[in-house]
């Protein structure tokens, strides 16, 4: 099994890196660029075969280490 985890900043949290990406895109000639927000994508290979136990473990991983739940949201999918 594999966990595919997406972590994004919560609405209202300033995203200077997203702003820099937006400015860089405009500088490269891309038009119609609105608000740009950046995030993280993490894949974790799991040896657990029980999907419920895998979900529980990934939930703990996200809360304890991978996401700063004060300013970030996370979601994940278990595949395979």
C-alpha atoms as a PDB file:
ATOM      1  CA  UNK A   1       0.000   0.000   0.000  1.00  0.00           C
ATOM      2  CA  UNK A   2       0.992   3.590  -0.512  1.00  0.00           C
ATOM      3  CA  UNK A   3      -0.231   6.774   1.151  1.00  0.00           C
ATOM      4  CA  UNK A   4      -0.493   9.835  -1.084  1.00  0.00           C
ATOM      5  CA  UNK A   5      -0.572  12.900   1.183  1.00  0.00           C
ATOM      6  CA  UNK A   6      -1.353  16.492   0.157  1.00  0.00           C
ATOM      7  CA  UNK A   7      -0.593  19.337   2.562  1.00  0.00           C
ATOM      8  CA  UNK A   8      -1.743  22.906   1.883  1.00  0.00           C
ATOM      9  CA  UNK A   9      -1.822  26.144   3.817  1.00  0.00           C
ATOM     10  CA  UNK A  10      -5.155  27.012   5.408  1.00  0.00           C
ATOM     11  CA  UNK A  11      -7.191  29.834   3.889  1.00  0.00           C
ATOM     12  CA  UNK A  12      -6.088  33.172   5.291  1.00  0.00           C
ATOM     13  CA  UNK A  13      -2.496  32.067   5.948  1.00  0.00           C
ATOM     14  CA  UNK A  14      -0.038  34.189   3.978  1.00  0.00           C
ATOM     15  CA  UNK A  15       1.854  32.262   1.299  1.00  0.00           C
ATOM     16  CA  UNK A  16       4.972  34.206   0.261  1.00  0.00           C
ATOM     17  CA  UNK A  17       6.302  31.288  -1.778  1.00  0.00           C
ATOM     18  CA  UNK A  18       3.013  31.125  -3.693  1.00  0.00           C
ATOM     19  CA  UNK A  19       3.261  34.867  -4.364  1.00  0.00           C
ATOM     20  CA  UNK A  20       6.834  34.441  -5.646  1.00  0.00           C
ATOM     21  CA  UNK A  21       5.695  31.638  -7.971  1.00  0.00           C
ATOM     22  CA  UNK A  22       2.863  33.836  -9.261  1.00  0.00           C
ATOM     23  CA  UNK A  23       5.251  36.727  -9.959  1.00  0.00           C
ATOM     24  CA  UNK A  24       7.708  34.380 -11.695  1.00  0.00           C
ATOM     25  CA  UNK A  25       4.940  33.018 -13.934  1.00  0.00           C
ATOM     26  CA  UNK A  26       3.914  36.546 -14.882  1.00  0.00           C
ATOM     27  CA  UNK A  27       7.566  37.380 -15.556  1.00  0.00           C
ATOM     28  CA  UNK A  28       7.720  34.432 -17.955  1.00  0.00           C
ATOM     29  CA  UNK A  29       4.815  35.878 -19.914  1.00  0.00           C
ATOM     30  CA  UNK A  30       1.950  33.805 -18.540  1.00  0.00           C
ATOM     31  CA  UNK A  31      -1.183  35.908 -18.277  1.00  0.00           C
ATOM     32  CA  UNK A  32      -4.401  35.403 -16.383  1.00  0.00           C
ATOM     33  CA  UNK A  33      -2.603  34.281 -13.222  1.00  0.00           C
ATOM     34  CA  UNK A  34      -4.688  34.731 -10.093  1.00  0.00           C
ATOM     35  CA  UNK A  35      -3.779  33.723  -6.568  1.00  0.00           C
ATOM     36  CA  UNK A  36      -1.086  31.014  -6.436  1.00  0.00           C
ATOM     37  CA  UNK A  37      -0.843  28.744  -3.380  1.00  0.00           C
ATOM     38  CA  UNK A  38       1.867  26.145  -2.944  1.00  0.00           C
ATOM     39  CA  UNK A  39       1.859  23.007  -0.851  1.00  0.00           C
ATOM     40  CA  UNK A  40       3.568  19.673  -0.305  1.00  0.00           C
ATOM     41  CA  UNK A  41       2.971  16.209  -1.743  1.00  0.00           C
ATOM     42  CA  UNK A  42       4.367  13.210   0.133  1.00  0.00           C
ATOM     43  CA  UNK A  43       4.212   9.512  -0.741  1.00  0.00           C
ATOM     44  CA  UNK A  44       4.785   6.936   1.977  1.00  0.00           C
ATOM     45  CA  UNK A  45       5.149   3.233   1.144  1.00  0.00           C
ATOM     46  CA  UNK A  46       3.358   1.194   3.777  1.00  0.00           C
ATOM     47  CA  UNK A  47       3.900  -2.443   4.693  1.00  0.00           C
ATOM     48  CA  UNK A  48       0.566  -2.568   6.539  1.00  0.00           C
ATOM     49  CA  UNK A  49      -1.999  -4.718   4.718  1.00  0.00           C
ATOM     50  CA  UNK A  50      -5.071  -3.672   6.719  1.00  0.00           C
ATOM     51  CA  UNK A  51      -6.431  -0.451   5.182  1.00  0.00           C
ATOM     52  CA  UNK A  52      -8.076   0.737   8.417  1.00  0.00           C
ATOM     53  CA  UNK A  53      -4.783   0.366  10.309  1.00  0.00           C
ATOM     54  CA  UNK A  54      -2.918   2.084   7.470  1.00  0.00           C
ATOM     55  CA  UNK A  55      -5.346   5.037   7.572  1.00  0.00           C
ATOM     56  CA  UNK A  56      -4.943   5.300  11.333  1.00  0.00           C
ATOM     57  CA  UNK A  57      -1.138   5.290  11.019  1.00  0.00           C
ATOM     58  CA  UNK A  58      -1.098   7.909   8.249  1.00  0.00           C
ATOM     59  CA  UNK A  59      -3.495  10.125  10.210  1.00  0.00           C
ATOM     60  CA  UNK A  60      -1.054  10.012  13.149  1.00  0.00           C
ATOM     61  CA  UNK A  61       1.919  10.696  10.854  1.00  0.00           C
ATOM     62  CA  UNK A  62       0.210  13.799   9.498  1.00  0.00           C
ATOM     63  CA  UNK A  63      -0.827  15.135  12.908  1.00  0.00           C
ATOM     64  CA  UNK A  64       2.460  14.338  14.669  1.00  0.00           C
ATOM     65  CA  UNK A  65       5.040  15.264  12.020  1.00  0.00           C
ATOM     66  CA  UNK A  66       4.091  15.921   8.416  1.00  0.00           C
ATOM     67  CA  UNK A  67       1.616  18.806   8.790  1.00  0.00           C
ATOM     68  CA  UNK A  68       1.602  21.825  11.053  1.00  0.00           C
ATOM     69  CA  UNK A  69      -2.107  21.640  11.827  1.00  0.00           C
ATOM     70  CA  UNK A  70      -2.164  25.202  13.145  1.00  0.00           C
ATOM     71  CA  UNK A  71      -1.583  26.633   9.650  1.00  0.00           C
ATOM     72  CA  UNK A  72      -1.919  23.633   7.298  1.00  0.00           C
ATOM     73  CA  UNK A  73      -4.655  21.298   6.098  1.00  0.00           C
ATOM     74  CA  UNK A  74      -3.908  17.783   4.922  1.00  0.00           C
ATOM     75  CA  UNK A  75      -5.681  15.038   3.057  1.00  0.00           C
ATOM     76  CA  UNK A  76      -4.541  11.618   2.012  1.00  0.00           C
ATOM     77  CA  UNK A  77      -5.489   8.624  -0.042  1.00  0.00           C
ATOM     78  CA  UNK A  78      -4.435   5.020   0.465  1.00  0.00           C
ATOM     79  CA  UNK A  79      -3.785   3.276  -2.854  1.00  0.00           C
ATOM     80  CA  UNK A  80      -2.769  -0.225  -3.803  1.00  0.00           C
END
